[in-house]
Amino acid sequence: PGYVLGILRYPFPLYLLALAITELPYAVATVYLGDSFLEGESFAFLVLGVGVLLIAAILWMVAPKKLRDVQ
């Protein structure tokens, strides 16, 4: 996405904002999942993993509807 948006002359501050919004949840979940796995906290690992999967499933179902409404 960085190359494509750069070629299209997308404003850099908006690109950074979009990147931060999309990457922050992933980074936080990855750190907490990794930490709970290394500490051997299986309950926290399972709860965080299931939470991430639920959020992904909800977004998977909602995103196509929102995209159809935009078009």
N, C-alpha and C. Protein backbone atom coordinates (compact mmCIF):
# COMPACT_ATOMS: atom_id res chain seq x y z
N PRO A 1 0.81 -1.22 0.00
CA PRO A 1 0.00 0.00 0.00
C PRO A 1 0.85 1.26 0.00
N GLY A 2 2.01 1.22 0.62
CA GLY A 2 2.85 2.40 0.67
C GLY A 2 3.30 2.86 -0.70
N TYR A 3 3.72 1.94 -1.54
CA TYR A 3 4.16 2.30 -2.89
C TYR A 3 3.01 2.82 -3.73
N VAL A 4 1.89 2.14 -3.66
CA VAL A 4 0.72 2.54 -4.46
C VAL A 4 0.24 3.93 -4.05
N LEU A 5 0.09 4.16 -2.76
CA LEU A 5 -0.37 5.47 -2.30
C LEU A 5 0.68 6.54 -2.57
N GLY A 6 1.95 6.20 -2.55
CA GLY A 6 2.99 7.16 -2.90
C GLY A 6 2.92 7.55 -4.35
N ILE A 7 2.70 6.57 -5.22
CA ILE A 7 2.57 6.86 -6.66
C ILE A 7 1.35 7.72 -6.93
N LEU A 8 0.28 7.49 -6.18
CA LEU A 8 -0.95 8.27 -6.35
C LEU A 8 -0.90 9.63 -5.64
N ARG A 9 0.24 9.93 -5.02
CA ARG A 9 0.44 11.20 -4.31
C ARG A 9 -0.56 11.39 -3.17
N TYR A 10 -0.84 10.30 -2.45
CA TYR A 10 -1.72 10.36 -1.29
C TYR A 10 -1.02 11.17 -0.19
N PRO A 11 -1.74 12.03 0.52
CA PRO A 11 -1.10 12.85 1.55
C PRO A 11 -0.44 11.98 2.64
N PHE A 12 0.82 12.27 2.92
CA PHE A 12 1.60 11.47 3.86
C PHE A 12 1.02 11.45 5.27
N PRO A 13 0.55 12.60 5.81
CA PRO A 13 -0.04 12.54 7.17
C PRO A 13 -1.27 11.64 7.24
N LEU A 14 -2.10 11.64 6.20
CA LEU A 14 -3.27 10.75 6.20
C LEU A 14 -2.85 9.29 6.08
N TYR A 15 -1.80 9.05 5.32
CA TYR A 15 -1.28 7.68 5.22
C TYR A 15 -0.79 7.19 6.58
N LEU A 16 -0.04 8.04 7.29
CA LEU A 16 0.44 7.65 8.61
C LEU A 16 -0.71 7.41 9.58
N LEU A 17 -1.74 8.24 9.51
CA LEU A 17 -2.90 8.06 10.39
C LEU A 17 -3.60 6.73 10.09
N ALA A 18 -3.82 6.44 8.82
CA ALA A 18 -4.47 5.18 8.44
C ALA A 18 -3.61 3.99 8.84
N LEU A 19 -2.31 4.11 8.66
CA LEU A 19 -1.40 3.03 9.03
C LEU A 19 -1.43 2.79 10.54
N ALA A 20 -1.45 3.87 11.31
CA ALA A 20 -1.49 3.73 12.77
C ALA A 20 -2.79 3.09 13.24
N ILE A 21 -3.90 3.49 12.64
CA ILE A 21 -5.20 2.94 13.02
C ILE A 21 -5.27 1.44 12.72
N THR A 22 -4.71 1.04 11.60
CA THR A 22 -4.80 -0.37 11.22
C THR A 22 -3.75 -1.23 11.91
N GLU A 23 -2.58 -0.70 12.17
CA GLU A 23 -1.50 -1.49 12.75
C GLU A 23 -1.55 -1.58 14.27
N LEU A 24 -2.10 -0.59 14.93
CA LEU A 24 -2.08 -0.57 16.39
C LEU A 24 -2.80 -1.77 17.02
N PRO A 25 -4.02 -2.10 16.61
CA PRO A 25 -4.66 -3.28 17.21
C PRO A 25 -3.88 -4.57 16.96
N TYR A 26 -3.32 -4.70 15.77
CA TYR A 26 -2.54 -5.89 15.45
C TYR A 26 -1.30 -5.98 16.35
N ALA A 27 -0.60 -4.87 16.51
CA ALA A 27 0.61 -4.86 17.33
C ALA A 27 0.29 -5.18 18.79
N VAL A 28 -0.76 -4.58 19.32
CA VAL A 28 -1.13 -4.83 20.72
C VAL A 28 -1.52 -6.30 20.92
N ALA A 29 -2.34 -6.82 20.03
CA ALA A 29 -2.77 -8.22 20.15
C ALA A 29 -1.58 -9.16 20.01
N THR A 30 -0.68 -8.87 19.11
CA THR A 30 0.49 -9.73 18.92
C THR A 30 1.37 -9.75 20.16
N VAL A 31 1.59 -8.58 20.74
CA VAL A 31 2.43 -8.51 21.94
C VAL A 31 1.78 -9.27 23.10
N TYR A 32 0.50 -9.04 23.32
CA TYR A 32 -0.16 -9.72 24.44
C TYR A 32 -0.28 -11.22 24.21
N LEU A 33 -0.58 -11.63 22.98
CA LEU A 33 -0.64 -13.06 22.70
C LEU A 33 0.71 -13.72 22.88
N GLY A 34 1.76 -13.08 22.39
CA GLY A 34 3.10 -13.64 22.53
C GLY A 34 3.53 -13.71 23.98
N ASP A 35 3.23 -12.67 24.74
CA ASP A 35 3.60 -12.65 26.15
C ASP A 35 2.87 -13.73 26.94
N SER A 36 1.56 -13.86 26.69
CA SER A 36 0.81 -14.88 27.42
C SER A 36 1.25 -16.29 27.03
N PHE A 37 1.65 -16.47 25.79
CA PHE A 37 2.15 -17.77 25.35
C PHE A 37 3.47 -18.11 26.02
N LEU A 38 4.38 -17.13 26.05
CA LEU A 38 5.69 -17.37 26.65
C LEU A 38 5.61 -17.55 28.17
N GLU A 39 4.67 -16.87 28.80
CA GLU A 39 4.51 -17.01 30.25
C GLU A 39 3.74 -18.28 30.62
N GLY A 40 3.19 -18.97 29.65
CA GLY A 40 2.46 -20.19 29.92
C GLY A 40 1.06 -19.96 30.44
N GLU A 41 0.53 -18.78 30.23
CA GLU A 41 -0.84 -18.46 30.67
C GLU A 41 -1.82 -18.87 29.58
N SER A 42 -2.22 -20.12 29.62
CA SER A 42 -3.06 -20.63 28.55
C SER A 42 -4.43 -19.98 28.52
N PHE A 43 -4.98 -19.61 29.69
CA PHE A 43 -6.30 -18.98 29.70
C PHE A 43 -6.26 -17.62 29.01
N ALA A 44 -5.27 -16.80 29.34
CA ALA A 44 -5.14 -15.48 28.70
C ALA A 44 -4.89 -15.64 27.20
N PHE A 45 -4.07 -16.62 26.85
CA PHE A 45 -3.78 -16.87 25.43
C PHE A 45 -5.05 -17.23 24.68
N LEU A 46 -5.85 -18.12 25.25
CA LEU A 46 -7.09 -18.53 24.59
C LEU A 46 -8.11 -17.39 24.51
N VAL A 47 -8.24 -16.63 25.59
CA VAL A 47 -9.20 -15.52 25.59
C VAL A 47 -8.81 -14.46 24.56
N LEU A 48 -7.54 -14.09 24.55
CA LEU A 48 -7.08 -13.10 23.57
C LEU A 48 -7.21 -13.62 22.14
N GLY A 49 -6.84 -14.88 21.93
CA GLY A 49 -6.95 -15.47 20.60
C GLY A 49 -8.38 -15.53 20.10
N VAL A 50 -9.29 -15.95 20.96
CA VAL A 50 -10.71 -16.02 20.58
C VAL A 50 -11.26 -14.60 20.34
N GLY A 51 -10.84 -13.65 21.16
CA GLY A 51 -11.27 -12.26 20.96
C GLY A 51 -10.83 -11.71 19.61
N VAL A 52 -9.60 -11.97 19.25
CA VAL A 52 -9.10 -11.52 17.94
C VAL A 52 -9.86 -12.18 16.81
N LEU A 53 -10.13 -13.47 16.94
CA LEU A 53 -10.88 -14.18 15.90
C LEU A 53 -12.32 -13.67 15.79
N LEU A 54 -12.95 -13.36 16.91
CA LEU A 54 -14.31 -12.81 16.87
C LEU A 54 -14.35 -11.45 16.19
N ILE A 55 -13.42 -10.60 16.53
CA ILE A 55 -13.36 -9.28 15.89
C ILE A 55 -13.12 -9.42 14.39
N ALA A 56 -12.24 -10.33 14.00
CA ALA A 56 -11.97 -10.55 12.58
C ALA A 56 -13.22 -11.08 11.86
N ALA A 57 -13.95 -11.98 12.50
CA ALA A 57 -15.16 -12.52 11.88
C ALA A 57 -16.23 -11.45 11.72
N ILE A 58 -16.38 -10.60 12.73
CA ILE A 58 -17.37 -9.52 12.64
C ILE A 58 -17.00 -8.57 11.51
N LEU A 59 -15.73 -8.18 11.44
CA LEU A 59 -15.30 -7.28 10.37
C LEU A 59 -15.45 -7.94 9.00
N TRP A 60 -15.22 -9.24 8.94
CA TRP A 60 -15.35 -9.98 7.67
C TRP A 60 -16.80 -9.93 7.17
N MET A 61 -17.76 -9.97 8.09
CA MET A 61 -19.17 -9.95 7.70
C MET A 61 -19.67 -8.53 7.43
N VAL A 62 -19.14 -7.55 8.14
CA VAL A 62 -19.63 -6.18 8.03
C VAL A 62 -19.01 -5.45 6.85
N ALA A 63 -17.74 -5.69 6.57
CA ALA A 63 -17.02 -4.93 5.54
C ALA A 63 -17.67 -5.03 4.15
N PRO A 64 -18.05 -6.21 3.66
CA PRO A 64 -18.66 -6.24 2.32
C PRO A 64 -19.95 -5.44 2.24
N LYS A 65 -20.75 -5.44 3.31
CA LYS A 65 -21.99 -4.66 3.30
C LYS A 65 -21.69 -3.18 3.24
N LYS A 66 -20.71 -2.73 4.00
CA LYS A 66 -20.33 -1.32 3.99
C LYS A 66 -19.77 -0.92 2.63
N LEU A 67 -19.00 -1.79 2.00
CA LEU A 67 -18.43 -1.48 0.69
C LEU A 67 -19.53 -1.39 -0.36
N ARG A 68 -20.54 -2.24 -0.28
CA ARG A 68 -21.65 -2.17 -1.24
C ARG A 68 -22.41 -0.86 -1.09
N ASP A 69 -22.58 -0.40 0.16
CA ASP A 69 -23.30 0.85 0.41
C ASP A 69 -22.54 2.05 -0.15
N VAL A 70 -21.21 2.00 -0.15
CA VAL A 70 -20.40 3.11 -0.64
C VAL A 70 -20.50 3.20 -2.15
N GLN A 71 -20.52 2.07 -2.82
CA GLN A 71 -20.56 2.08 -4.28
C GLN A 71 -21.93 2.49 -4.73
